[in-house]
């Protein structure tokens, strides 16, 4: 359980950035598909290794959404293709091309790892294939490298923490320390926190960081104790998050200096973190415990179909399917009618287990972010931290 969450934030190393935004010498023509009897949908997801469970959850959610709509897209049958992206940024372009060039998919669904997403992004921009991002939160995908044919159904990395600052100040925490791994995901999460916290009147008295995936936190926890902030805000995920939570308590900070974080701090790690996690407050675009008929129906259907409980990744896969259904139905299955298809997807209202959300101009979800507290190994929803929160889309120019 803990390892699968760590995958979310292995984001965009320098080498991945080079792969994603620099030409490899391969120039793809804008591909126009001759419409066959079936819609060709390609999954480019992690199916082996640490991240495999995330890929499976996304595909499961996607298939459930399609099946609940009769198993068709705009009246057309579907043929599925799959490529294991291996969570390897160096193979991102090659693997995306297997689906686009070899399998001639109409739709490419992927991926989890944002370094790999940069490779998909290049292929999508060069080929014009409809590309749906069910997880990777790297900013460039819906900012500087946005494209008319690329839509994200999950989040931008700074969205959860952009909802955190005001909630902390409202609780009287006006001086905070920020701590994270020093890599792109941590940097992008900090962007959201800094913006919201300072706007609400808070002061960040210290930024602390350590290289990813280092989990030797003791020296930094000692520094936090000496600084005596009103609260600590952080971004960690997976096994590293569980260890940070345990170390924070062991250092004597639990109960003295409140701990806040992006929701990934407590996603999937509560068993490993144990009682040390109780009382931690996070912000996130979904919670298993959302007490709505829509979420309950989804969770029941998913558990019945796949014999396991859904998580945030399953929800994001499900919503990817819902978005594609709306687009395909609007053009009666003719995915070559791209202006009409894109317009329908841009104007879609997704009735999601997370709550209804819409698409921003840069093709990123405009969604509610929930305030949650850990109680007895559950992320309990306290309320909505930010209503209809949008990413800035800075630098996005649709062409």
Protein backbone atom coordinates (compact mmCIF):
# COMPACT_ATOMS: atom_id res chain seq x y z
CA UNK A 1 0.00 0.00 0.00
CA UNK A 2 2.72 2.49 0.94
CA UNK A 3 4.87 1.88 -2.09
CA UNK A 4 2.10 2.48 -4.54
CA UNK A 5 1.57 6.02 -3.25
CA UNK A 6 5.23 6.89 -3.63
CA UNK A 7 4.83 6.58 -7.35
CA UNK A 8 2.66 9.63 -7.58
CA UNK A 9 5.48 12.02 -6.96
CA UNK A 10 8.50 10.66 -8.78
CA UNK A 11 8.27 13.73 -10.93
CA UNK A 12 10.28 15.25 -13.72
CA UNK A 13 13.98 14.89 -13.10
CA UNK A 14 16.27 16.97 -15.25
CA UNK A 15 16.73 14.03 -17.59
CA UNK A 16 12.99 13.58 -17.87
CA UNK A 17 12.59 17.25 -18.70
CA UNK A 18 15.12 16.92 -21.49
CA UNK A 19 13.29 13.90 -22.81
CA UNK A 20 9.93 15.62 -22.58
CA UNK A 21 10.64 18.99 -24.12
CA UNK A 22 13.67 18.47 -26.33
CA UNK A 23 13.40 16.93 -29.75
CA UNK A 24 14.79 13.46 -30.18
CA UNK A 25 14.94 13.90 -33.88
CA UNK A 26 11.57 12.22 -34.36
CA UNK A 27 8.99 14.45 -36.00
CA UNK A 28 5.53 12.99 -36.29
CA UNK A 29 2.96 14.21 -38.80
CA UNK A 30 -0.43 15.32 -37.56
CA UNK A 31 -2.26 12.04 -37.80
CA UNK A 32 -5.76 11.91 -39.24
CA UNK A 33 -7.43 8.57 -38.60
CA UNK A 34 -9.70 6.88 -41.05
CA UNK A 35 -12.68 6.02 -38.90
CA UNK A 36 -12.97 2.29 -38.37
CA UNK A 37 -15.92 0.49 -36.86
CA UNK A 38 -14.31 0.51 -33.42
CA UNK A 39 -12.78 3.29 -31.34
CA UNK A 40 -9.17 2.38 -30.59
CA UNK A 41 -8.26 3.29 -26.99
CA UNK A 42 -4.69 2.90 -25.80
CA UNK A 43 -3.62 2.66 -22.15
CA UNK A 44 -0.06 3.76 -21.46
CA UNK A 45 0.22 3.05 -17.77
CA UNK A 46 2.55 1.30 -15.30
CA UNK A 47 1.64 -2.39 -15.22
CA UNK A 48 4.81 -3.73 -13.57
CA UNK A 49 6.96 -2.62 -10.68
CA UNK A 50 6.15 -0.36 -7.76
CA UNK A 51 3.54 1.63 -9.65
CA UNK A 52 1.57 -1.29 -11.09
CA UNK A 53 -1.35 -1.01 -8.67
CA UNK A 54 -1.92 2.60 -9.70
CA UNK A 55 -2.07 1.67 -13.36
CA UNK A 56 -4.53 -1.11 -12.63
CA UNK A 57 -6.74 1.17 -10.55
CA UNK A 58 -6.83 3.79 -13.31
CA UNK A 59 -7.71 1.25 -15.99
CA UNK A 60 -10.35 -0.34 -13.75
CA UNK A 61 -11.98 3.02 -13.12
CA UNK A 62 -11.92 3.91 -16.81
CA UNK A 63 -13.49 0.61 -17.87
CA UNK A 64 -16.18 0.91 -15.20
CA UNK A 65 -17.20 4.33 -16.48
CA UNK A 66 -17.41 3.04 -20.06
CA UNK A 67 -19.32 -0.09 -19.07
CA UNK A 68 -21.85 1.96 -17.12
CA UNK A 69 -22.57 3.81 -20.37
CA UNK A 70 -23.28 0.62 -22.29
CA UNK A 71 -19.68 -0.19 -23.16
CA UNK A 72 -19.61 2.08 -26.21
CA UNK A 73 -18.37 5.52 -27.20
CA UNK A 74 -20.86 7.48 -29.23
CA UNK A 75 -22.50 4.23 -30.31
CA UNK A 76 -19.24 2.62 -31.42
CA UNK A 77 -17.59 -0.49 -29.99
CA UNK A 78 -14.18 -0.11 -28.35
CA UNK A 79 -10.92 -1.94 -28.95
CA UNK A 80 -8.32 -1.61 -26.20
CA UNK A 81 -4.53 -1.59 -26.50
CA UNK A 82 -2.04 -1.57 -23.62
CA UNK A 83 1.61 -0.61 -23.21
CA UNK A 84 3.50 -0.89 -19.94
CA UNK A 85 5.24 2.46 -19.59
CA UNK A 86 7.54 0.94 -16.93
CA UNK A 87 7.55 4.34 -15.20
CA UNK A 88 10.69 4.99 -17.25
CA UNK A 89 10.95 8.55 -18.63
CA UNK A 90 13.67 7.49 -21.06
CA UNK A 91 11.13 5.25 -22.83
CA UNK A 92 8.25 7.72 -22.76
CA UNK A 93 8.38 8.80 -26.39
CA UNK A 94 9.11 5.28 -27.68
CA UNK A 95 6.23 3.73 -25.75
CA UNK A 96 3.75 6.44 -26.71
CA UNK A 97 4.66 5.91 -30.35
CA UNK A 98 3.89 2.20 -30.04
CA UNK A 99 0.28 3.16 -29.41
CA UNK A 100 0.08 6.11 -31.80
CA UNK A 101 2.07 4.82 -34.77
CA UNK A 102 1.88 1.03 -34.47
CA UNK A 103 -1.58 0.55 -32.95
CA UNK A 104 -3.06 3.73 -34.44
CA UNK A 105 -5.11 4.53 -31.37
CA UNK A 106 -7.73 7.26 -31.47
CA UNK A 107 -7.26 8.03 -27.78
CA UNK A 108 -4.18 7.69 -25.56
CA UNK A 109 -4.81 7.39 -21.80
CA UNK A 110 -1.75 7.96 -19.62
CA UNK A 111 0.04 8.22 -17.30
CA UNK A 112 1.03 8.18 -13.61
CA UNK A 113 4.69 9.28 -13.60
CA UNK A 114 5.14 12.89 -14.64
CA UNK A 115 8.56 12.28 -16.16
CA UNK A 116 6.94 9.74 -18.49
CA UNK A 117 4.11 12.19 -19.11
CA UNK A 118 6.56 14.62 -20.64
CA UNK A 119 7.33 12.03 -23.32
CA UNK A 120 3.62 11.45 -23.96
CA UNK A 121 3.14 15.21 -24.12
CA UNK A 122 5.63 15.55 -26.96
CA UNK A 123 4.06 12.73 -28.97
CA UNK A 124 0.56 14.10 -28.35
CA UNK A 125 1.55 17.59 -29.46
CA UNK A 126 3.37 16.30 -32.55
CA UNK A 127 0.76 13.77 -33.67
CA UNK A 128 -2.49 15.43 -32.62
CA UNK A 129 -3.81 12.24 -30.99
CA UNK A 130 -6.37 12.83 -28.23
CA UNK A 131 -4.44 12.45 -24.97
CA UNK A 132 -6.09 12.08 -21.57
CA UNK A 133 -3.99 12.37 -18.40
CA UNK A 134 -5.50 10.37 -15.52
CA UNK A 135 -2.87 11.23 -12.91
CA UNK A 136 0.46 12.96 -13.65
CA UNK A 137 0.30 16.41 -12.08
CA UNK A 138 3.32 18.05 -13.68
CA UNK A 139 2.53 21.71 -14.34
CA UNK A 140 3.90 21.91 -17.88
CA UNK A 141 1.20 19.57 -19.23
CA UNK A 142 -1.50 22.19 -18.72
CA UNK A 143 0.70 25.27 -18.66
CA UNK A 144 3.61 25.96 -21.00
CA UNK A 145 3.19 22.72 -22.98
CA UNK A 146 -0.61 22.65 -23.07
CA UNK A 147 -2.35 21.56 -26.27
CA UNK A 148 -5.93 21.49 -27.61
CA UNK A 149 -5.87 17.68 -27.74
CA UNK A 150 -4.53 17.14 -24.19
CA UNK A 151 -6.91 17.00 -21.21
CA UNK A 152 -6.08 16.22 -17.57
CA UNK A 153 -8.66 14.67 -15.25
CA UNK A 154 -6.67 14.58 -12.00
CA UNK A 155 -4.94 17.67 -10.59
CA UNK A 156 -2.02 20.02 -11.04
CA UNK A 157 0.70 19.49 -8.44
CA UNK A 158 0.04 22.81 -6.70
CA UNK A 159 -3.75 22.46 -6.46
CA UNK A 160 -4.04 20.54 -3.16
CA UNK A 161 -1.60 22.83 -1.36
CA UNK A 162 -3.14 25.96 -2.85
CA UNK A 163 -6.15 25.18 -0.65
CA UNK A 164 -4.04 24.66 2.47
CA UNK A 165 -2.83 28.14 3.39
CA UNK A 166 -6.12 29.79 4.25
CA UNK A 167 -7.21 26.81 6.33
CA UNK A 168 -4.05 27.06 8.41
CA UNK A 169 -4.32 30.80 9.00
CA UNK A 170 -7.99 30.39 9.92
CA UNK A 171 -6.81 28.09 12.71
CA UNK A 172 -4.45 30.75 14.02
CA UNK A 173 -1.24 29.36 12.52
CA UNK A 174 0.42 32.53 11.21
CA UNK A 175 4.05 31.37 11.27
CA UNK A 176 4.86 28.15 9.42
CA UNK A 177 7.78 26.02 8.37
CA UNK A 178 7.58 24.25 5.01
CA UNK A 179 9.38 20.94 4.48
CA UNK A 180 9.55 18.64 1.44
CA UNK A 181 11.79 16.64 -0.82
CA UNK A 182 13.69 18.94 -3.18
CA UNK A 183 12.42 17.85 -6.58
CA UNK A 184 9.85 19.08 -9.07
CA UNK A 185 6.79 17.73 -7.25
CA UNK A 186 7.91 19.29 -3.98
CA UNK A 187 8.71 22.58 -5.69
CA UNK A 188 5.34 22.68 -7.44
CA UNK A 189 3.48 21.79 -4.25
CA UNK A 190 5.33 24.61 -2.47
CA UNK A 191 4.21 27.05 -5.16
CA UNK A 192 0.57 26.44 -4.22
CA UNK A 193 1.19 26.61 -0.48
CA UNK A 194 3.28 29.78 -0.61
CA UNK A 195 0.68 31.57 -2.72
CA UNK A 196 -2.27 30.69 -0.51
CA UNK A 197 -0.57 31.01 2.87
CA UNK A 198 1.00 34.41 2.29
CA UNK A 199 -2.19 35.73 0.67
CA UNK A 200 -4.07 34.76 3.84
CA UNK A 201 -1.59 36.68 5.98
CA UNK A 202 0.75 33.88 6.98
CA UNK A 203 4.55 34.03 7.07
CA UNK A 204 6.81 31.17 6.02
CA UNK A 205 9.71 31.48 8.44
CA UNK A 206 11.79 28.67 6.93
CA UNK A 207 11.84 26.36 3.92
CA UNK A 208 13.44 23.01 4.63
CA UNK A 209 14.26 20.32 2.11
CA UNK A 210 16.20 17.15 1.52
CA UNK A 211 17.03 15.25 -1.66
CA UNK A 212 14.47 12.82 -3.01
CA UNK A 213 14.00 10.08 -1.82
CA UNK A 214 16.10 10.64 1.34
CA UNK A 215 14.17 9.86 4.53
CA UNK A 216 16.72 10.92 7.15
CA UNK A 217 14.54 13.59 8.73
CA UNK A 218 16.05 13.88 12.22
CA UNK A 219 18.27 16.93 11.69
CA UNK A 220 15.45 18.87 10.06
CA UNK A 221 12.99 17.90 12.80
CA UNK A 222 15.48 19.17 15.38
CA UNK A 223 15.64 22.46 13.48
CA UNK A 224 11.83 22.68 13.44
CA UNK A 225 11.74 22.19 17.20
CA UNK A 226 14.22 25.05 17.63
CA UNK A 227 12.28 27.37 15.28
CA UNK A 228 9.02 26.86 17.22
CA UNK A 229 6.62 27.71 14.36
CA UNK A 230 2.86 27.79 14.85
CA UNK A 231 2.57 24.86 12.44
CA UNK A 232 4.41 22.79 9.85
CA UNK A 233 3.21 22.28 6.26
CA UNK A 234 4.73 19.65 4.02
CA UNK A 235 4.65 17.53 0.92
CA UNK A 236 5.62 13.88 1.17
CA UNK A 237 4.04 10.72 -0.20
CA UNK A 238 4.20 6.96 0.09
CA UNK A 239 6.69 5.17 2.30
CA UNK A 240 8.63 8.37 2.89
CA UNK A 241 5.46 10.07 4.14
CA UNK A 242 4.77 7.26 6.60
CA UNK A 243 8.30 7.53 7.99
CA UNK A 244 8.08 11.34 8.22
CA UNK A 245 4.84 11.05 10.18
CA UNK A 246 6.34 8.51 12.59
CA UNK A 247 9.58 10.48 12.97
CA UNK A 248 7.65 13.71 13.58
CA UNK A 249 5.86 12.08 16.50
CA UNK A 250 9.02 10.40 17.80
CA UNK A 251 10.79 13.77 17.83
CA UNK A 252 8.18 15.03 20.28
CA UNK A 253 6.57 17.46 17.82
CA UNK A 254 3.17 15.77 17.61
CA UNK A 255 0.75 17.58 19.89
CA UNK A 256 3.05 20.59 20.14
CA UNK A 257 3.37 21.84 16.56
CA UNK A 258 0.38 20.90 14.34
CA UNK A 259 1.26 19.10 11.10
CA UNK A 260 -0.48 19.91 7.81
CA UNK A 261 0.13 18.68 4.27
CA UNK A 262 -0.94 17.96 0.76
CA UNK A 263 -3.39 15.06 0.89
CA UNK A 264 -0.80 12.66 -0.47
CA UNK A 265 0.89 12.83 2.94
CA UNK A 266 -1.81 10.54 4.35
CA UNK A 267 -3.08 8.72 1.23
CA UNK A 268 -2.55 4.98 1.53
CA UNK A 269 -0.06 5.21 4.39
CA UNK A 270 -2.26 5.30 7.47
CA UNK A 271 -1.69 1.65 8.37
CA UNK A 272 2.06 2.15 8.17
CA UNK A 273 2.00 5.48 10.01
CA UNK A 274 -0.19 4.18 12.83
CA UNK A 275 -1.37 6.41 15.70
CA UNK A 276 1.31 8.98 14.86
CA UNK A 277 -0.93 10.18 12.00
CA UNK A 278 -3.92 11.03 14.18
CA UNK A 279 -4.77 14.73 14.00
CA UNK A 280 -2.87 15.50 10.80
CA UNK A 281 -4.88 17.85 8.57
CA UNK A 282 -4.56 17.68 4.78
CA UNK A 283 -6.18 19.05 1.65
CA UNK A 284 -7.12 16.80 -1.28
CA UNK A 285 -9.56 16.59 -4.20
CA UNK A 286 -11.06 13.30 -2.99
CA UNK A 287 -11.62 11.25 0.13
CA UNK A 288 -12.85 7.69 0.48
CA UNK A 289 -15.16 8.92 3.23
CA UNK A 290 -17.08 11.48 1.19
CA UNK A 291 -20.64 10.97 2.37
CA UNK A 292 -22.51 11.49 -0.89
CA UNK A 293 -24.85 9.19 -2.85
CA UNK A 294 -22.58 9.53 -5.89
CA UNK A 295 -19.46 8.42 -4.05
CA UNK A 296 -21.24 5.58 -2.28
CA UNK A 297 -22.69 4.28 -5.56
CA UNK A 298 -19.29 4.43 -7.22
CA UNK A 299 -17.54 2.65 -4.37
CA UNK A 300 -20.18 -0.08 -4.27
CA UNK A 301 -20.02 -0.63 -8.05
CA UNK A 302 -16.22 -0.67 -8.10
CA UNK A 303 -15.92 -3.07 -5.16
CA UNK A 304 -18.53 -5.37 -6.69
CA UNK A 305 -16.81 -5.42 -10.07
CA UNK A 306 -13.15 -5.64 -9.05
CA UNK A 307 -13.33 -7.16 -5.55
CA UNK A 308 -11.26 -4.35 -4.06
CA UNK A 309 -11.83 -0.88 -2.70
CA UNK A 310 -11.28 2.10 -5.03
CA UNK A 311 -8.84 4.89 -4.27
CA UNK A 312 -8.16 8.33 -5.69
CA UNK A 313 -6.46 6.77 -8.73
CA UNK A 314 -9.53 4.70 -9.53
CA UNK A 315 -11.66 7.85 -9.28
CA UNK A 316 -9.36 9.68 -11.69
CA UNK A 317 -9.51 6.78 -14.17
CA UNK A 318 -13.30 6.73 -13.81
CA UNK A 319 -13.54 10.44 -14.52
CA UNK A 320 -11.28 10.04 -17.55
CA UNK A 321 -13.83 7.59 -18.92
CA UNK A 322 -16.73 9.94 -18.11
CA UNK A 323 -15.03 12.82 -19.92
CA UNK A 324 -14.39 10.71 -23.02
CA UNK A 325 -17.99 9.46 -23.03
CA UNK A 326 -19.31 13.01 -23.03
CA UNK A 327 -17.02 14.03 -25.85
CA UNK A 328 -17.70 10.96 -27.98
CA UNK A 329 -21.45 11.18 -27.50
CA UNK A 330 -21.44 14.83 -28.58
CA UNK A 331 -19.89 13.90 -31.95
CA UNK A 332 -21.83 10.63 -32.29
CA UNK A 333 -18.60 8.64 -32.15
CA UNK A 334 -16.82 10.58 -34.90
CA UNK A 335 -13.58 11.39 -33.08
CA UNK A 336 -12.20 12.95 -36.26
CA UNK A 337 -14.61 15.86 -35.67
CA UNK A 338 -11.96 17.38 -33.47
CA UNK A 339 -13.22 20.97 -32.99
CA UNK A 340 -16.63 19.70 -31.90
CA UNK A 341 -15.06 16.94 -29.79
CA UNK A 342 -12.74 19.33 -27.98
CA UNK A 343 -15.52 21.86 -27.44
CA UNK A 344 -17.71 19.20 -25.86
CA UNK A 345 -14.92 18.08 -23.55
CA UNK A 346 -14.00 21.64 -22.62
CA UNK A 347 -17.60 22.39 -21.65
CA UNK A 348 -18.27 19.07 -19.89
CA UNK A 349 -19.54 18.89 -16.33
CA UNK A 350 -18.25 15.66 -14.79
CA UNK A 351 -20.53 14.13 -12.18
CA UNK A 352 -17.69 12.53 -10.25
CA UNK A 353 -17.43 10.61 -6.97
CA UNK A 354 -15.22 13.51 -5.86
CA UNK A 355 -18.02 15.99 -6.61
CA UNK A 356 -18.94 17.74 -9.84
CA UNK A 357 -16.07 19.42 -11.65
CA UNK A 358 -15.47 21.31 -14.89
CA UNK A 359 -12.53 21.83 -17.22
CA UNK A 360 -10.36 24.95 -17.17
CA UNK A 361 -9.30 26.78 -20.31
CA UNK A 362 -5.93 25.03 -20.07
CA UNK A 363 -7.68 21.63 -19.74
CA UNK A 364 -7.15 20.95 -16.03
CA UNK A 365 -9.94 20.19 -13.52
CA UNK A 366 -11.66 23.05 -11.72
CA UNK A 367 -12.62 21.20 -8.57
CA UNK A 368 -13.38 21.34 -4.88
CA UNK A 369 -10.50 20.60 -2.53
CA UNK A 370 -11.51 18.98 0.75
CA UNK A 371 -10.15 19.62 4.23
CA UNK A 372 -9.51 16.31 5.98
CA UNK A 373 -8.27 15.13 9.36
CA UNK A 374 -6.86 11.73 10.26
CA UNK A 375 -8.91 9.88 12.85
CA UNK A 376 -8.39 6.19 13.56
CA UNK A 377 -6.71 5.41 10.23
CA UNK A 378 -9.28 7.33 8.19
CA UNK A 379 -9.10 10.65 6.35
CA UNK A 380 -12.28 12.20 7.70
CA UNK A 381 -13.72 15.08 5.66
CA UNK A 382 -14.12 18.27 7.70
CA UNK A 383 -15.45 20.39 4.85
CA UNK A 384 -14.42 22.12 1.65
CA UNK A 385 -11.14 24.00 1.90
CA UNK A 386 -11.47 25.60 -1.54
CA UNK A 387 -14.49 25.66 -3.80
CA UNK A 388 -14.03 25.19 -7.55
CA UNK A 389 -10.27 25.70 -7.40
CA UNK A 390 -8.53 26.18 -10.75
CA UNK A 391 -4.87 25.97 -11.67
CA UNK A 392 -3.46 29.18 -13.14
CA UNK A 393 -2.65 27.68 -16.54
CA UNK A 394 0.27 30.11 -16.66
CA UNK A 395 1.99 30.11 -20.04
CA UNK A 396 -0.69 28.04 -21.76
CA UNK A 397 -1.31 29.10 -25.34
CA UNK A 398 -3.66 26.82 -27.24
CA UNK A 399 -2.64 26.55 -30.88
